[in-house]
Amino acid sequence: MDCNGMALFVSKSAPCKNNAGGTMLLMMKLDKRKNKDLTQEEAFYNSTFGSFRSQMESLFADLGSTFEKHNNRAPVLVDKKQTYNLQLKLSLLLLNMKKMVALLAISVEPIHTAWLREGFEYPTTENDVEQPMEYVDVGALMEDGNTMAKLQEEFLALELHDDVDENQYSNEYTPMDPPVIL
């Protein structure tokens, strides 16, 4: 994680059967006795990076509450670990984007939050993400704009007397003689 709470690196998943927390700690050679005093370096590390551990726990909580697949309420059964790892990375990327949108106060459209809906599943060829927006054909819009610009040019080129017979109204209006002042 970075200082903004963004997930930067995700290790590969391993089956829980052979890789429980205690086993992993043993493999990392972190098997220390309980109630043993910390070294000065360990105490400094804990005081310096303790808040990062809290941020990570918060990230895992957000991950589990946002994505049902990634919480510990039910075992995850997958055929391929690679598929699960990819989905986990995608989930963390989406959470990173959610945080970035909040940090930068970016306006959110409905399609941007489709993954937050109840029952969301990753898109496949059979299951695409719904697009609540109407499709707009840019080519048609450009053609309509060009047509409108052409009509405007034709309108502005018109002269007021085009198609008007000036003699048609000559008998209907006779200006009055100006008044005579004595």
C-alpha atoms as a PDB file:
ATOM      1  CA  MET A   1       0.000   0.000   0.000  1.00  0.00           C
ATOM      2  CA  ASP A   2       1.007   3.589  -0.423  1.00  0.00           C
ATOM      3  CA  CYS A   3       0.361   6.498   1.928  1.00  0.00           C
ATOM      4  CA  ASN A   4      -3.024   7.183   0.233  1.00  0.00           C
ATOM      5  CA  GLY A   5      -4.291   3.681   1.006  1.00  0.00           C
ATOM      6  CA  MET A   6      -3.906   2.486  -2.591  1.00  0.00           C
ATOM      7  CA  ALA A   7      -3.053  -1.170  -3.135  1.00  0.00           C
ATOM      8  CA  LEU A   8       0.215  -1.346  -5.067  1.00  0.00           C
ATOM      9  CA  PHE A   9       1.268  -4.979  -4.929  1.00  0.00           C
ATOM     10  CA  VAL A  10      -0.681  -8.215  -4.566  1.00  0.00           C
ATOM     11  CA  SER A  11       1.102 -11.459  -3.895  1.00  0.00           C
ATOM     12  CA  LYS A  12      -0.130 -14.649  -5.522  1.00  0.00           C
ATOM     13  CA  SER A  13      -2.788 -16.571  -3.656  1.00  0.00           C
ATOM     14  CA  ALA A  14      -2.093 -19.957  -2.189  1.00  0.00           C
ATOM     15  CA  PRO A  15      -4.539 -22.619  -0.974  1.00  0.00           C
ATOM     16  CA  CYS A  16      -5.489 -22.132   2.680  1.00  0.00           C
ATOM     17  CA  LYS A  17      -5.140 -25.860   3.386  1.00  0.00           C
ATOM     18  CA  ASN A  18      -1.338 -25.744   3.362  1.00  0.00           C
ATOM     19  CA  ASN A  19      -0.826 -22.033   3.905  1.00  0.00           C
ATOM     20  CA  ALA A  20      -2.629 -21.002   7.062  1.00  0.00           C
ATOM     21  CA  GLY A  21      -1.461 -17.889   8.905  1.00  0.00           C
ATOM     22  CA  GLY A  22       0.751 -19.776  11.352  1.00  0.00           C
ATOM     23  CA  THR A  23       2.404 -21.801   8.594  1.00  0.00           C
ATOM     24  CA  MET A  24       3.103 -18.668   6.587  1.00  0.00           C
ATOM     25  CA  LEU A  25       4.652 -16.973   9.627  1.00  0.00           C
ATOM     26  CA  LEU A  26       6.892 -20.003  10.139  1.00  0.00           C
ATOM     27  CA  MET A  27       7.963 -19.872   6.482  1.00  0.00           C
ATOM     28  CA  MET A  28       8.772 -16.178   6.932  1.00  0.00           C
ATOM     29  CA  LYS A  29      10.798 -17.064  10.036  1.00  0.00           C
ATOM     30  CA  LEU A  30       8.631 -14.881  12.262  1.00  0.00           C
ATOM     31  CA  ASP A  31       8.095 -17.581  14.876  1.00  0.00           C
ATOM     32  CA  LYS A  32       9.025 -15.562  17.989  1.00  0.00           C
ATOM     33  CA  ARG A  33       8.079 -16.481  21.501  1.00  0.00           C
ATOM     34  CA  LYS A  34       5.181 -14.719  23.155  1.00  0.00           C
ATOM     35  CA  ASN A  35       5.822 -11.873  25.604  1.00  0.00           C
ATOM     36  CA  LYS A  36       9.397 -11.428  24.421  1.00  0.00           C
ATOM     37  CA  ASP A  37      10.631  -7.829  24.437  1.00  0.00           C
ATOM     38  CA  LEU A  38      11.044  -6.252  21.041  1.00  0.00           C
ATOM     39  CA  THR A  39      14.442  -5.116  19.861  1.00  0.00           C
ATOM     40  CA  GLN A  40      14.969  -1.400  19.414  1.00  0.00           C
ATOM     41  CA  GLU A  41      14.687  -1.807  15.621  1.00  0.00           C
ATOM     42  CA  GLU A  42      11.448  -3.823  15.916  1.00  0.00           C
ATOM     43  CA  ALA A  43       9.920  -1.254  18.273  1.00  0.00           C
ATOM     44  CA  PHE A  44      10.889   1.576  15.882  1.00  0.00           C
ATOM     45  CA  TYR A  45       9.419  -0.340  12.940  1.00  0.00           C
ATOM     46  CA  ASN A  46       6.155  -0.953  14.820  1.00  0.00           C
ATOM     47  CA  SER A  47       5.801   2.685  15.851  1.00  0.00           C
ATOM     48  CA  THR A  48       6.673   3.929  12.370  1.00  0.00           C
ATOM     49  CA  PHE A  49       4.623   1.496  10.281  1.00  0.00           C
ATOM     50  CA  GLY A  50       1.838   0.512  12.674  1.00  0.00           C
ATOM     51  CA  SER A  51      -0.608   2.859  10.963  1.00  0.00           C
ATOM     52  CA  PHE A  52       0.065   1.118   7.636  1.00  0.00           C
ATOM     53  CA  ARG A  53      -1.066  -2.153   9.171  1.00  0.00           C
ATOM     54  CA  SER A  54      -4.283  -0.418  10.231  1.00  0.00           C
ATOM     55  CA  GLN A  55      -4.715   0.896   6.695  1.00  0.00           C
ATOM     56  CA  MET A  56      -4.218  -2.614   5.314  1.00  0.00           C
ATOM     57  CA  GLU A  57      -6.810  -4.035   7.688  1.00  0.00           C
ATOM     58  CA  SER A  58      -9.160  -1.262   6.612  1.00  0.00           C
ATOM     59  CA  LEU A  59      -8.485  -2.094   2.951  1.00  0.00           C
ATOM     60  CA  PHE A  60      -9.262  -5.782   3.571  1.00  0.00           C
ATOM     61  CA  ALA A  61     -12.472  -4.783   5.354  1.00  0.00           C
ATOM     62  CA  ASP A  62     -13.478  -2.564   2.407  1.00  0.00           C
ATOM     63  CA  LEU A  63     -12.576  -5.343  -0.023  1.00  0.00           C
ATOM     64  CA  GLY A  64     -14.673  -7.908   1.850  1.00  0.00           C
ATOM     65  CA  SER A  65     -17.686  -5.644   2.298  1.00  0.00           C
ATOM     66  CA  THR A  66     -17.642  -4.466  -1.327  1.00  0.00           C
ATOM     67  CA  PHE A  67     -16.943  -7.818  -2.961  1.00  0.00           C
ATOM     68  CA  GLU A  68     -18.694 -10.818  -1.426  1.00  0.00           C
ATOM     69  CA  LYS A  69     -16.195 -13.104  -3.127  1.00  0.00           C
ATOM     70  CA  HIS A  70     -13.312 -11.582  -1.169  1.00  0.00           C
ATOM     71  CA  ASN A  71     -14.531 -11.815   2.410  1.00  0.00           C
ATOM     72  CA  ASN A  72     -14.047 -14.657   4.859  1.00  0.00           C
ATOM     73  CA  ARG A  73     -17.725 -15.609   5.292  1.00  0.00           C
ATOM     74  CA  ALA A  74     -17.558 -18.516   2.839  1.00  0.00           C
ATOM     75  CA  PRO A  75     -14.739 -20.471   1.234  1.00  0.00           C
ATOM     76  CA  VAL A  76     -13.798 -19.470  -2.292  1.00  0.00           C
ATOM     77  CA  LEU A  77     -13.825 -22.442  -4.628  1.00  0.00           C
ATOM     78  CA  VAL A  78     -12.061 -21.831  -7.922  1.00  0.00           C
ATOM     79  CA  ASP A  79     -10.803 -23.995 -10.737  1.00  0.00           C
ATOM     80  CA  LYS A  80      -7.793 -21.807 -11.409  1.00  0.00           C
ATOM     81  CA  LYS A  81      -5.844 -19.724  -8.917  1.00  0.00           C
ATOM     82  CA  GLN A  82      -4.902 -17.396 -11.773  1.00  0.00           C
ATOM     83  CA  THR A  83      -8.569 -16.464 -12.262  1.00  0.00           C
ATOM     84  CA  TYR A  84      -8.987 -15.689  -8.565  1.00  0.00           C
ATOM     85  CA  ASN A  85      -5.744 -13.683  -8.491  1.00  0.00           C
ATOM     86  CA  LEU A  86      -6.864 -11.649 -11.495  1.00  0.00           C
ATOM     87  CA  GLN A  87     -10.263 -10.969  -9.901  1.00  0.00           C
ATOM     88  CA  LEU A  88      -8.577  -9.950  -6.647  1.00  0.00           C
ATOM     89  CA  LYS A  89      -6.261  -7.555  -8.459  1.00  0.00           C
ATOM     90  CA  LEU A  90      -9.174  -6.122 -10.435  1.00  0.00           C
ATOM     91  CA  SER A  91     -11.151  -5.643  -7.205  1.00  0.00           C
ATOM     92  CA  LEU A  92      -8.255  -3.780  -5.620  1.00  0.00           C
ATOM     93  CA  LEU A  93      -7.835  -1.669  -8.750  1.00  0.00           C
ATOM     94  CA  LEU A  94     -11.519  -0.718  -8.564  1.00  0.00           C
ATOM     95  CA  LEU A  95     -11.135   0.198  -4.885  1.00  0.00           C
ATOM     96  CA  ASN A  96      -8.085   2.306  -5.813  1.00  0.00           C
ATOM     97  CA  MET A  97     -10.165   4.077  -8.452  1.00  0.00           C
ATOM     98  CA  LYS A  98     -12.954   4.645  -5.920  1.00  0.00           C
ATOM     99  CA  LYS A  99     -10.441   6.289  -3.569  1.00  0.00           C
ATOM    100  CA  MET A 100      -8.929   8.384  -6.369  1.00  0.00           C
ATOM    101  CA  VAL A 101     -12.375   9.603  -7.446  1.00  0.00           C
ATOM    102  CA  ALA A 102     -13.048  10.679  -3.848  1.00  0.00           C
ATOM    103  CA  LEU A 103      -9.613  12.335  -3.466  1.00  0.00           C
ATOM    104  CA  LEU A 104      -9.972  14.328  -6.704  1.00  0.00           C
ATOM    105  CA  ALA A 105     -13.726  14.991  -6.360  1.00  0.00           C
ATOM    106  CA  ILE A 106     -14.420  13.545  -9.827  1.00  0.00           C
ATOM    107  CA  SER A 107     -18.085  13.441 -10.839  1.00  0.00           C
ATOM    108  CA  VAL A 108     -19.425   9.896 -10.993  1.00  0.00           C
ATOM    109  CA  GLU A 109     -21.696   8.529 -13.734  1.00  0.00           C
ATOM    110  CA  PRO A 110     -23.926   5.448 -13.210  1.00  0.00           C
ATOM    111  CA  ILE A 111     -21.696   3.218 -15.351  1.00  0.00           C
ATOM    112  CA  HIS A 112     -18.732   4.065 -13.122  1.00  0.00           C
ATOM    113  CA  THR A 113     -20.387   2.455 -10.114  1.00  0.00           C
ATOM    114  CA  ALA A 114     -21.921  -0.633 -11.748  1.00  0.00           C
ATOM    115  CA  TRP A 115     -19.446  -2.794  -9.847  1.00  0.00           C
ATOM    116  CA  LEU A 116     -20.837  -1.557  -6.528  1.00  0.00           C
ATOM    117  CA  ARG A 117     -24.330  -2.930  -7.223  1.00  0.00           C
ATOM    118  CA  GLU A 118     -25.644  -5.925  -5.300  1.00  0.00           C
ATOM    119  CA  GLY A 119     -24.925  -9.149  -7.150  1.00  0.00           C
ATOM    120  CA  PHE A 120     -22.348  -7.606  -9.499  1.00  0.00           C
ATOM    121  CA  GLU A 121     -20.372 -10.190 -11.431  1.00  0.00           C
ATOM    122  CA  TYR A 122     -17.329  -9.566 -13.560  1.00  0.00           C
ATOM    123  CA  PRO A 123     -18.281  -9.077 -17.219  1.00  0.00           C
ATOM    124  CA  THR A 124     -17.862 -11.991 -19.615  1.00  0.00           C
ATOM    125  CA  THR A 125     -18.949 -12.472 -23.199  1.00  0.00           C
ATOM    126  CA  GLU A 126     -22.334 -13.691 -21.923  1.00  0.00           C
ATOM    127  CA  ASN A 127     -22.627 -11.221 -19.021  1.00  0.00           C
ATOM    128  CA  ASP A 128     -21.722  -7.667 -20.018  1.00  0.00           C
ATOM    129  CA  VAL A 129     -21.988  -4.742 -17.618  1.00  0.00           C
ATOM    130  CA  GLU A 130     -25.249  -2.899 -18.191  1.00  0.00           C
ATOM    131  CA  GLN A 131     -24.872   0.455 -19.889  1.00  0.00           C
ATOM    132  CA  PRO A 132     -27.666   2.672 -18.526  1.00  0.00           C
ATOM    133  CA  MET A 133     -26.631   5.415 -20.933  1.00  0.00           C
ATOM    134  CA  GLU A 134     -28.104   5.823 -24.403  1.00  0.00           C
ATOM    135  CA  TYR A 135     -25.776   5.093 -27.322  1.00  0.00           C
ATOM    136  CA  VAL A 136     -24.906   8.191 -29.302  1.00  0.00           C
ATOM    137  CA  ASP A 137     -23.561   7.833 -32.856  1.00  0.00           C
ATOM    138  CA  VAL A 138     -20.907  10.541 -33.136  1.00  0.00           C
ATOM    139  CA  GLY A 139     -20.875  10.295 -36.939  1.00  0.00           C
ATOM    140  CA  ALA A 140     -24.615  10.994 -37.094  1.00  0.00           C
ATOM    141  CA  LEU A 141     -24.203  13.948 -34.709  1.00  0.00           C
ATOM    142  CA  MET A 142     -21.457  15.385 -36.908  1.00  0.00           C
ATOM    143  CA  GLU A 143     -23.611  14.919 -40.016  1.00  0.00           C
ATOM    144  CA  ASP A 144     -26.548  16.640 -38.284  1.00  0.00           C
ATOM    145  CA  GLY A 145     -24.245  19.497 -37.257  1.00  0.00           C
ATOM    146  CA  ASN A 146     -22.903  19.885 -40.775  1.00  0.00           C
ATOM    147  CA  THR A 147     -26.450  19.897 -42.172  1.00  0.00           C
ATOM    148  CA  MET A 148     -27.466  22.565 -39.654  1.00  0.00           C
ATOM    149  CA  ALA A 149     -24.419  24.715 -40.506  1.00  0.00           C
ATOM    150  CA  LYS A 150     -25.243  24.455 -44.237  1.00  0.00           C
ATOM    151  CA  LEU A 151     -28.864  25.509 -43.609  1.00  0.00           C
ATOM    152  CA  GLN A 152     -27.677  28.462 -41.529  1.00  0.00           C
ATOM    153  CA  GLU A 153     -25.311  29.576 -44.305  1.00  0.00           C
ATOM    154  CA  GLU A 154     -28.128  29.356 -46.871  1.00  0.00           C
ATOM    155  CA  PHE A 155     -30.436  31.343 -44.586  1.00  0.00           C
ATOM    156  CA  LEU A 156     -27.851  34.071 -44.020  1.00  0.00           C
ATOM    157  CA  ALA A 157     -27.205  34.300 -47.771  1.00  0.00           C
ATOM    158  CA  LEU A 158     -30.878  34.987 -48.502  1.00  0.00           C
ATOM    159  CA  GLU A 159     -31.765  38.524 -49.488  1.00  0.00           C
ATOM    160  CA  LEU A 160     -34.965  40.059 -48.265  1.00  0.00           C
ATOM    161  CA  HIS A 161     -36.312  40.681 -51.776  1.00  0.00           C
ATOM    162  CA  ASP A 162     -35.711  37.256 -53.238  1.00  0.00           C
ATOM    163  CA  ASP A 163     -38.934  35.769 -54.670  1.00  0.00           C
ATOM    164  CA  VAL A 164     -40.966  39.003 -54.049  1.00  0.00           C
ATOM    165  CA  ASP A 165     -42.572  40.811 -56.976  1.00  0.00           C
ATOM    166  CA  GLU A 166     -42.102  44.499 -56.167  1.00  0.00           C
ATOM    167  CA  ASN A 167     -45.044  45.527 -58.436  1.00  0.00           C
ATOM    168  CA  GLN A 168     -47.421  43.246 -56.565  1.00  0.00           C
ATOM    169  CA  TYR A 169     -47.885  45.775 -53.762  1.00  0.00           C
ATOM    170  CA  SER A 170     -47.581  49.053 -55.698  1.00  0.00           C
ATOM    171  CA  ASN A 171     -51.358  49.746 -55.842  1.00  0.00           C
ATOM    172  CA  GLU A 172     -52.039  48.898 -52.238  1.00  0.00           C
ATOM    173  CA  TYR A 173     -49.945  51.572 -50.583  1.00  0.00           C
ATOM    174  CA  THR A 174     -49.695  55.222 -51.539  1.00  0.00           C
ATOM    175  CA  PRO A 175     -47.658  57.426 -49.341  1.00  0.00           C
ATOM    176  CA  MET A 176     -49.418  60.547 -48.130  1.00  0.00           C
ATOM    177  CA  ASP A 177     -48.282  63.941 -49.264  1.00  0.00           C
ATOM    178  CA  PRO A 178     -46.333  65.696 -46.580  1.00  0.00           C
ATOM    179  CA  PRO A 179     -48.295  68.338 -44.664  1.00  0.00           C
ATOM    180  CA  VAL A 180     -48.022  71.890 -45.912  1.00  0.00           C
ATOM    181  CA  ILE A 181     -46.999  74.408 -43.325  1.00  0.00           C
ATOM    182  CA  LEU A 182     -48.163  77.995 -43.903  1.00  0.00           C
END
